[in-house]
């Protein structure tokens, strides 16, 4: 049975997620003040959980690369290599603008310190899964 309120609930969740991302940006910019860094880390965890929940409600799974966020949000990419290697998933990638040592700017998908386009091209993306649950004391 389909929930008739689901689109409204998802829209509200998306708006709340956008507001939470703005809060996270503020915390990251002020990480050096007091315990704001801890707040930034906590909000980042909430964002990851919310993105996973929204993706699950929307059906989750791989989506066309054209629909991927280009705001620095970390995502997983399905990459097709330029040589004969089989395709695979790159985790924690993000769209960024990078300036090289000559001052030239590049837009593209990055992972860690590497540029994805030099190795392969992305064809699909999906939100990162939520982090694992921490065990309760005594459960170990």
N, C-alpha and C. Protein backbone atom coordinates (compact mmCIF):
# COMPACT_ATOMS: atom_id res chain seq x y z
N UNK A 1 0.84 -1.18 0.00
CA UNK A 1 0.00 0.00 0.00
C UNK A 1 0.89 1.25 0.00
N UNK A 2 0.60 2.19 -0.87
CA UNK A 2 1.38 3.42 -0.99
C UNK A 2 0.86 4.46 -0.02
N UNK A 3 1.77 5.15 0.63
CA UNK A 3 1.42 6.22 1.55
C UNK A 3 1.15 7.49 0.75
N UNK A 4 -0.08 8.03 0.78
CA UNK A 4 -0.38 9.22 -0.01
C UNK A 4 0.39 10.45 0.46
N UNK A 5 0.90 10.44 1.69
CA UNK A 5 1.65 11.57 2.21
C UNK A 5 3.15 11.47 1.90
N UNK A 6 3.59 10.37 1.30
CA UNK A 6 5.03 10.15 1.10
C UNK A 6 5.71 11.29 0.34
N UNK A 7 5.17 11.78 -0.78
CA UNK A 7 5.87 12.88 -1.47
C UNK A 7 6.02 14.11 -0.58
N UNK A 8 4.99 14.44 0.19
CA UNK A 8 5.05 15.59 1.08
C UNK A 8 6.10 15.36 2.16
N UNK A 9 6.16 14.17 2.71
CA UNK A 9 7.15 13.87 3.74
C UNK A 9 8.57 13.91 3.16
N UNK A 10 8.75 13.39 1.96
CA UNK A 10 10.07 13.44 1.33
C UNK A 10 10.49 14.87 1.02
N UNK A 11 9.55 15.68 0.55
CA UNK A 11 9.89 17.08 0.28
C UNK A 11 10.32 17.79 1.57
N UNK A 12 9.61 17.53 2.66
CA UNK A 12 9.98 18.13 3.94
C UNK A 12 11.35 17.63 4.38
N UNK A 13 11.62 16.35 4.18
CA UNK A 13 12.92 15.79 4.57
C UNK A 13 14.03 16.43 3.74
N UNK A 14 13.79 16.64 2.46
CA UNK A 14 14.80 17.28 1.61
C UNK A 14 15.08 18.72 2.06
N UNK A 15 14.02 19.46 2.42
CA UNK A 15 14.20 20.83 2.89
C UNK A 15 14.98 20.84 4.21
N UNK A 16 14.65 19.92 5.10
CA UNK A 16 15.35 19.85 6.38
C UNK A 16 16.82 19.48 6.14
N UNK A 17 17.07 18.58 5.21
CA UNK A 17 18.44 18.20 4.90
C UNK A 17 19.22 19.40 4.36
N UNK A 18 18.61 20.20 3.49
CA UNK A 18 19.28 21.38 2.95
C UNK A 18 19.63 22.36 4.06
N UNK A 19 18.71 22.56 5.01
CA UNK A 19 18.99 23.46 6.14
C UNK A 19 20.10 22.91 7.01
N UNK A 20 20.11 21.60 7.20
CA UNK A 20 21.16 20.97 8.01
C UNK A 20 22.51 21.11 7.33
N UNK A 21 22.55 21.00 6.00
CA UNK A 21 23.81 21.18 5.28
C UNK A 21 24.33 22.61 5.44
N UNK A 22 23.44 23.60 5.47
CA UNK A 22 23.87 24.98 5.70
C UNK A 22 24.49 25.13 7.08
N UNK A 23 23.87 24.51 8.07
CA UNK A 23 24.42 24.53 9.43
C UNK A 23 25.80 23.89 9.45
N UNK A 24 25.94 22.77 8.74
CA UNK A 24 27.23 22.07 8.71
C UNK A 24 28.30 22.95 8.06
N UNK A 25 27.96 23.66 6.99
CA UNK A 25 28.92 24.55 6.35
C UNK A 25 29.40 25.62 7.33
N UNK A 26 28.47 26.17 8.11
CA UNK A 26 28.84 27.18 9.11
C UNK A 26 29.79 26.57 10.15
N UNK A 27 29.43 25.40 10.65
CA UNK A 27 30.28 24.74 11.66
C UNK A 27 31.67 24.45 11.10
N UNK A 28 31.74 23.97 9.86
CA UNK A 28 33.04 23.67 9.25
C UNK A 28 33.89 24.94 9.13
N UNK A 29 33.26 26.04 8.77
CA UNK A 29 33.99 27.30 8.62
C UNK A 29 34.52 27.82 9.95
N UNK A 30 33.88 27.42 11.06
CA UNK A 30 34.26 27.90 12.39
C UNK A 30 34.77 26.76 13.27
N UNK A 31 35.25 25.70 12.66
CA UNK A 31 35.72 24.51 13.37
C UNK A 31 36.76 24.83 14.44
N UNK A 32 37.56 25.85 14.22
CA UNK A 32 38.65 26.19 15.13
C UNK A 32 38.18 26.80 16.45
N UNK A 33 36.91 27.14 16.57
CA UNK A 33 36.39 27.80 17.78
C UNK A 33 35.80 26.75 18.72
N UNK A 34 36.33 26.65 19.92
CA UNK A 34 35.78 25.80 20.96
C UNK A 34 35.49 24.39 20.48
N UNK A 35 34.27 23.93 20.77
CA UNK A 35 33.88 22.56 20.41
C UNK A 35 33.06 22.52 19.13
N UNK A 36 33.15 23.54 18.30
CA UNK A 36 32.38 23.59 17.05
C UNK A 36 32.78 22.44 16.13
N UNK A 37 34.04 22.02 16.18
CA UNK A 37 34.47 20.89 15.36
C UNK A 37 33.69 19.63 15.69
N UNK A 38 33.42 19.40 16.97
CA UNK A 38 32.61 18.24 17.37
C UNK A 38 31.19 18.37 16.84
N UNK A 39 30.66 19.59 16.88
CA UNK A 39 29.31 19.83 16.33
C UNK A 39 29.30 19.54 14.83
N UNK A 40 30.35 19.97 14.13
CA UNK A 40 30.42 19.73 12.68
C UNK A 40 30.44 18.24 12.39
N UNK A 41 31.20 17.48 13.16
CA UNK A 41 31.27 16.03 12.96
C UNK A 41 29.91 15.38 13.22
N UNK A 42 29.22 15.82 14.26
CA UNK A 42 27.91 15.27 14.60
C UNK A 42 26.89 15.58 13.49
N UNK A 43 26.89 16.82 13.02
CA UNK A 43 25.96 17.21 11.96
C UNK A 43 26.27 16.44 10.68
N UNK A 44 27.56 16.21 10.39
CA UNK A 44 27.93 15.42 9.20
C UNK A 44 27.35 14.01 9.29
N UNK A 45 27.36 13.43 10.49
CA UNK A 45 26.78 12.09 10.67
C UNK A 45 25.27 12.12 10.44
N UNK A 46 24.61 13.15 10.96
CA UNK A 46 23.17 13.28 10.76
C UNK A 46 22.85 13.42 9.28
N UNK A 47 23.65 14.20 8.56
CA UNK A 47 23.45 14.40 7.12
C UNK A 47 23.57 13.07 6.39
N UNK A 48 24.60 12.29 6.71
CA UNK A 48 24.79 10.99 6.04
C UNK A 48 23.60 10.07 6.30
N UNK A 49 23.11 10.05 7.52
CA UNK A 49 21.96 9.21 7.86
C UNK A 49 20.71 9.69 7.14
N UNK A 50 20.51 11.01 7.08
CA UNK A 50 19.34 11.55 6.40
C UNK A 50 19.39 11.26 4.90
N UNK A 51 20.56 11.43 4.29
CA UNK A 51 20.69 11.14 2.86
C UNK A 51 20.39 9.67 2.58
N UNK A 52 20.87 8.79 3.43
CA UNK A 52 20.60 7.36 3.24
C UNK A 52 19.11 7.06 3.40
N UNK A 53 18.47 7.68 4.39
CA UNK A 53 17.05 7.44 4.61
C UNK A 53 16.21 7.97 3.44
N UNK A 54 16.56 9.14 2.95
CA UNK A 54 15.84 9.71 1.80
C UNK A 54 16.04 8.83 0.57
N UNK A 55 17.28 8.38 0.34
CA UNK A 55 17.55 7.51 -0.80
C UNK A 55 16.77 6.21 -0.70
N UNK A 56 16.68 5.66 0.51
CA UNK A 56 15.91 4.42 0.69
C UNK A 56 14.43 4.66 0.42
N UNK A 57 13.93 5.81 0.86
CA UNK A 57 12.51 6.13 0.63
C UNK A 57 12.24 6.38 -0.85
N UNK A 58 13.23 6.90 -1.57
CA UNK A 58 13.08 7.16 -3.01
C UNK A 58 13.34 5.91 -3.84
N UNK A 59 13.79 4.86 -3.22
CA UNK A 59 14.10 3.65 -3.96
C UNK A 59 15.58 3.34 -3.96
N UNK A 60 16.42 4.31 -3.56
CA UNK A 60 17.86 4.08 -3.44
C UNK A 60 18.46 3.56 -4.73
N UNK A 61 19.66 3.02 -4.60
CA UNK A 61 20.31 2.41 -5.73
C UNK A 61 21.06 3.40 -6.59
N UNK A 62 21.61 2.88 -7.67
CA UNK A 62 22.41 3.68 -8.59
C UNK A 62 21.53 4.59 -9.42
N UNK A 63 22.02 5.81 -9.65
CA UNK A 63 21.29 6.82 -10.41
C UNK A 63 22.20 7.34 -11.53
N UNK A 64 21.63 7.86 -12.60
CA UNK A 64 22.46 8.39 -13.70
C UNK A 64 23.37 9.51 -13.19
N UNK A 65 24.60 9.55 -13.69
CA UNK A 65 25.59 10.52 -13.22
C UNK A 65 25.12 11.95 -13.44
N UNK A 66 24.26 12.17 -14.43
CA UNK A 66 23.77 13.53 -14.71
C UNK A 66 22.95 14.09 -13.55
N UNK A 67 22.44 13.21 -12.67
CA UNK A 67 21.62 13.68 -11.55
C UNK A 67 22.42 13.84 -10.25
N UNK A 68 23.72 13.59 -10.30
CA UNK A 68 24.56 13.64 -9.09
C UNK A 68 24.69 15.07 -8.57
N UNK A 69 24.75 15.24 -7.25
CA UNK A 69 24.95 16.58 -6.69
C UNK A 69 26.35 17.11 -7.01
N UNK A 70 26.42 18.38 -7.33
CA UNK A 70 27.71 19.01 -7.63
C UNK A 70 27.98 20.14 -6.64
N UNK A 71 27.67 19.86 -5.37
CA UNK A 71 27.86 20.85 -4.31
C UNK A 71 28.90 20.41 -3.29
N UNK A 72 29.71 19.39 -3.63
CA UNK A 72 30.71 18.90 -2.70
C UNK A 72 30.24 17.76 -1.81
N UNK A 73 28.98 17.35 -1.98
CA UNK A 73 28.44 16.24 -1.19
C UNK A 73 29.17 14.96 -1.54
N UNK A 74 29.69 14.22 -0.56
CA UNK A 74 30.35 12.95 -0.86
C UNK A 74 29.34 11.90 -1.34
N UNK A 75 29.68 11.22 -2.42
CA UNK A 75 28.83 10.16 -2.97
C UNK A 75 29.72 9.00 -3.43
N UNK A 76 29.11 7.88 -3.73
CA UNK A 76 29.81 6.76 -4.34
C UNK A 76 29.57 6.82 -5.85
N UNK A 77 30.60 6.54 -6.63
CA UNK A 77 30.51 6.58 -8.10
C UNK A 77 30.77 5.20 -8.68
N UNK A 78 30.05 4.86 -9.76
CA UNK A 78 30.34 3.67 -10.55
C UNK A 78 31.21 4.13 -11.70
N UNK A 79 32.42 3.60 -11.76
CA UNK A 79 33.42 4.09 -12.70
C UNK A 79 33.73 3.05 -13.78
N UNK A 80 33.81 3.51 -15.02
CA UNK A 80 34.22 2.69 -16.16
C UNK A 80 35.62 3.16 -16.54
N UNK A 81 36.59 2.26 -16.48
CA UNK A 81 37.98 2.61 -16.73
C UNK A 81 38.24 2.85 -18.20
N UNK A 82 39.28 3.64 -18.48
CA UNK A 82 39.67 3.94 -19.85
C UNK A 82 40.42 2.77 -20.50
N UNK A 83 40.94 1.86 -19.68
CA UNK A 83 41.63 0.69 -20.23
C UNK A 83 40.72 -0.54 -20.09
N UNK A 84 41.28 -1.71 -20.01
CA UNK A 84 40.48 -2.94 -20.02
C UNK A 84 40.06 -3.42 -18.64
N UNK A 85 40.37 -2.68 -17.57
CA UNK A 85 39.97 -3.11 -16.24
C UNK A 85 38.45 -3.11 -16.11
N UNK A 86 37.90 -4.00 -15.28
CA UNK A 86 36.45 -4.03 -15.09
C UNK A 86 35.98 -2.80 -14.31
N UNK A 87 34.74 -2.38 -14.54
CA UNK A 87 34.21 -1.23 -13.80
C UNK A 87 34.13 -1.55 -12.30
N UNK A 88 34.13 -0.49 -11.49
CA UNK A 88 34.01 -0.69 -10.05
C UNK A 88 33.52 0.58 -9.39
N UNK A 89 33.27 0.48 -8.09
CA UNK A 89 32.76 1.59 -7.29
C UNK A 89 33.92 2.35 -6.66
N UNK A 90 33.87 3.69 -6.76
CA UNK A 90 34.77 4.57 -6.03
C UNK A 90 33.94 5.20 -4.91
N UNK A 91 34.44 5.15 -3.69
CA UNK A 91 33.68 5.66 -2.55
C UNK A 91 34.14 7.06 -2.16
N UNK A 92 33.25 7.78 -1.53
CA UNK A 92 33.54 9.11 -0.97
C UNK A 92 34.10 10.09 -2.00
N UNK A 93 33.48 10.13 -3.17
CA UNK A 93 33.88 11.08 -4.21
C UNK A 93 33.06 12.35 -4.06
N UNK A 94 33.58 13.45 -4.59
CA UNK A 94 32.85 14.71 -4.53
C UNK A 94 33.22 15.56 -5.75
N UNK A 95 32.27 16.39 -6.18
CA UNK A 95 32.50 17.31 -7.28
C UNK A 95 33.13 18.57 -6.70
N UNK A 96 34.26 18.98 -7.24
CA UNK A 96 34.96 20.16 -6.73
C UNK A 96 35.64 20.91 -7.86
N UNK A 97 36.04 22.12 -7.55
CA UNK A 97 36.91 22.89 -8.42
C UNK A 97 38.28 22.88 -7.76
N UNK A 98 39.30 22.47 -8.53
CA UNK A 98 40.66 22.40 -8.01
C UNK A 98 41.53 23.33 -8.84
N UNK A 99 42.48 23.97 -8.18
CA UNK A 99 43.44 24.81 -8.87
C UNK A 99 44.79 24.10 -8.85
N UNK A 100 45.39 23.91 -10.03
CA UNK A 100 46.69 23.24 -10.07
C UNK A 100 47.81 24.23 -9.77
N UNK A 101 49.03 23.76 -9.81
CA UNK A 101 50.18 24.57 -9.44
C UNK A 101 50.42 25.75 -10.39
N UNK A 102 49.82 25.68 -11.58
CA UNK A 102 49.96 26.78 -12.54
C UNK A 102 48.85 27.80 -12.41
N UNK A 103 47.88 27.52 -11.52
CA UNK A 103 46.75 28.43 -11.34
C UNK A 103 45.56 28.10 -12.22
N UNK A 104 45.62 26.99 -12.97
CA UNK A 104 44.51 26.60 -13.83
C UNK A 104 43.47 25.84 -13.00
N UNK A 105 42.19 26.19 -13.18
CA UNK A 105 41.12 25.54 -12.43
C UNK A 105 40.53 24.39 -13.23
N UNK A 106 40.18 23.33 -12.50
CA UNK A 106 39.53 22.15 -13.07
C UNK A 106 38.30 21.82 -12.25
N UNK A 107 37.18 21.56 -12.92
CA UNK A 107 35.98 21.04 -12.26
C UNK A 107 35.96 19.55 -12.52
N UNK A 108 35.55 18.79 -11.52
CA UNK A 108 35.43 17.36 -11.75
C UNK A 108 35.22 16.57 -10.49
N UNK A 109 35.16 15.27 -10.67
CA UNK A 109 34.97 14.33 -9.56
C UNK A 109 36.32 14.01 -8.95
N UNK A 110 36.40 14.14 -7.65
CA UNK A 110 37.62 13.87 -6.91
C UNK A 110 37.36 12.83 -5.84
N UNK A 111 38.38 12.04 -5.53
CA UNK A 111 38.32 11.12 -4.40
C UNK A 111 39.65 11.22 -3.70
N UNK A 112 39.63 11.35 -2.37
CA UNK A 112 40.87 11.54 -1.65
C UNK A 112 41.62 12.73 -2.24
N UNK A 113 42.82 12.49 -2.72
CA UNK A 113 43.59 13.55 -3.38
C UNK A 113 43.66 13.34 -4.89
N UNK A 114 42.93 12.35 -5.38
CA UNK A 114 43.02 12.03 -6.79
C UNK A 114 41.86 12.59 -7.60
N UNK A 115 42.09 12.70 -8.88
CA UNK A 115 41.08 13.14 -9.82
C UNK A 115 40.53 11.91 -10.51
N UNK A 116 39.23 11.71 -10.46
CA UNK A 116 38.63 10.51 -11.04
C UNK A 116 38.80 10.43 -12.55
N UNK A 117 38.74 11.55 -13.26
CA UNK A 117 38.72 11.49 -14.73
C UNK A 117 40.01 10.97 -15.33
N UNK A 118 41.10 11.02 -14.57
CA UNK A 118 42.36 10.53 -15.12
C UNK A 118 42.38 9.01 -15.19
N UNK A 119 41.57 8.36 -14.39
CA UNK A 119 41.54 6.90 -14.34
C UNK A 119 40.36 6.31 -15.10
N UNK A 120 39.21 6.95 -14.95
CA UNK A 120 37.97 6.36 -15.45
C UNK A 120 36.92 7.46 -15.56
N UNK A 121 35.78 7.10 -16.09
CA UNK A 121 34.68 8.07 -16.15
C UNK A 121 33.49 7.51 -15.37
N UNK A 122 32.82 8.37 -14.59
CA UNK A 122 31.67 7.90 -13.83
C UNK A 122 30.44 7.78 -14.73
N UNK A 123 29.66 6.74 -14.52
CA UNK A 123 28.41 6.57 -15.27
C UNK A 123 27.19 6.65 -14.36
N UNK A 124 27.37 6.32 -13.06
CA UNK A 124 26.27 6.34 -12.11
C UNK A 124 26.78 6.79 -10.74
N UNK A 125 25.86 7.17 -9.86
CA UNK A 125 26.21 7.56 -8.50
C UNK A 125 25.12 7.06 -7.56
N UNK A 126 25.47 7.02 -6.29
CA UNK A 126 24.47 6.75 -5.25
C UNK A 126 24.94 7.42 -3.96
N UNK A 127 23.99 7.76 -3.07
CA UNK A 127 24.39 8.36 -1.79
C UNK A 127 25.24 7.38 -0.99
N UNK A 128 26.09 7.93 -0.14
CA UNK A 128 26.87 7.06 0.74
C UNK A 128 25.96 6.36 1.73
N UNK A 129 26.28 5.13 2.10
CA UNK A 129 25.48 4.45 3.12
C UNK A 129 25.72 5.10 4.48
N UNK A 130 24.79 4.92 5.41
CA UNK A 130 25.01 5.49 6.74
C UNK A 130 26.18 4.79 7.43
N UNK A 131 26.82 5.48 8.37
CA UNK A 131 27.93 4.84 9.09
C UNK A 131 27.40 3.70 9.96
N UNK A 132 28.27 2.76 10.34
CA UNK A 132 27.82 1.67 11.20
C UNK A 132 27.42 2.19 12.58
N UNK A 133 26.52 1.47 13.21
CA UNK A 133 26.10 1.81 14.57
C UNK A 133 27.22 1.48 15.54
N UNK A 134 27.47 2.38 16.47
CA UNK A 134 28.45 2.09 17.52
C UNK A 134 27.84 1.08 18.49
N UNK A 135 28.62 0.08 18.92
CA UNK A 135 28.07 -0.89 19.88
C UNK A 135 27.82 -0.22 21.21
N UNK A 136 26.74 -0.64 21.86
CA UNK A 136 26.44 -0.16 23.19
C UNK A 136 27.46 -0.73 24.17
N UNK A 137 27.80 0.01 25.22
CA UNK A 137 28.73 -0.56 26.21
C UNK A 137 28.19 -1.88 26.75
N UNK A 138 29.05 -2.87 26.77
CA UNK A 138 28.65 -4.20 27.24
C UNK A 138 28.21 -5.12 26.13
N UNK A 139 27.99 -4.60 24.90
CA UNK A 139 27.57 -5.43 23.77
C UNK A 139 28.75 -6.09 23.07
N UNK A 140 29.95 -5.64 23.38
CA UNK A 140 31.13 -6.15 22.68
C UNK A 140 31.50 -7.52 23.17
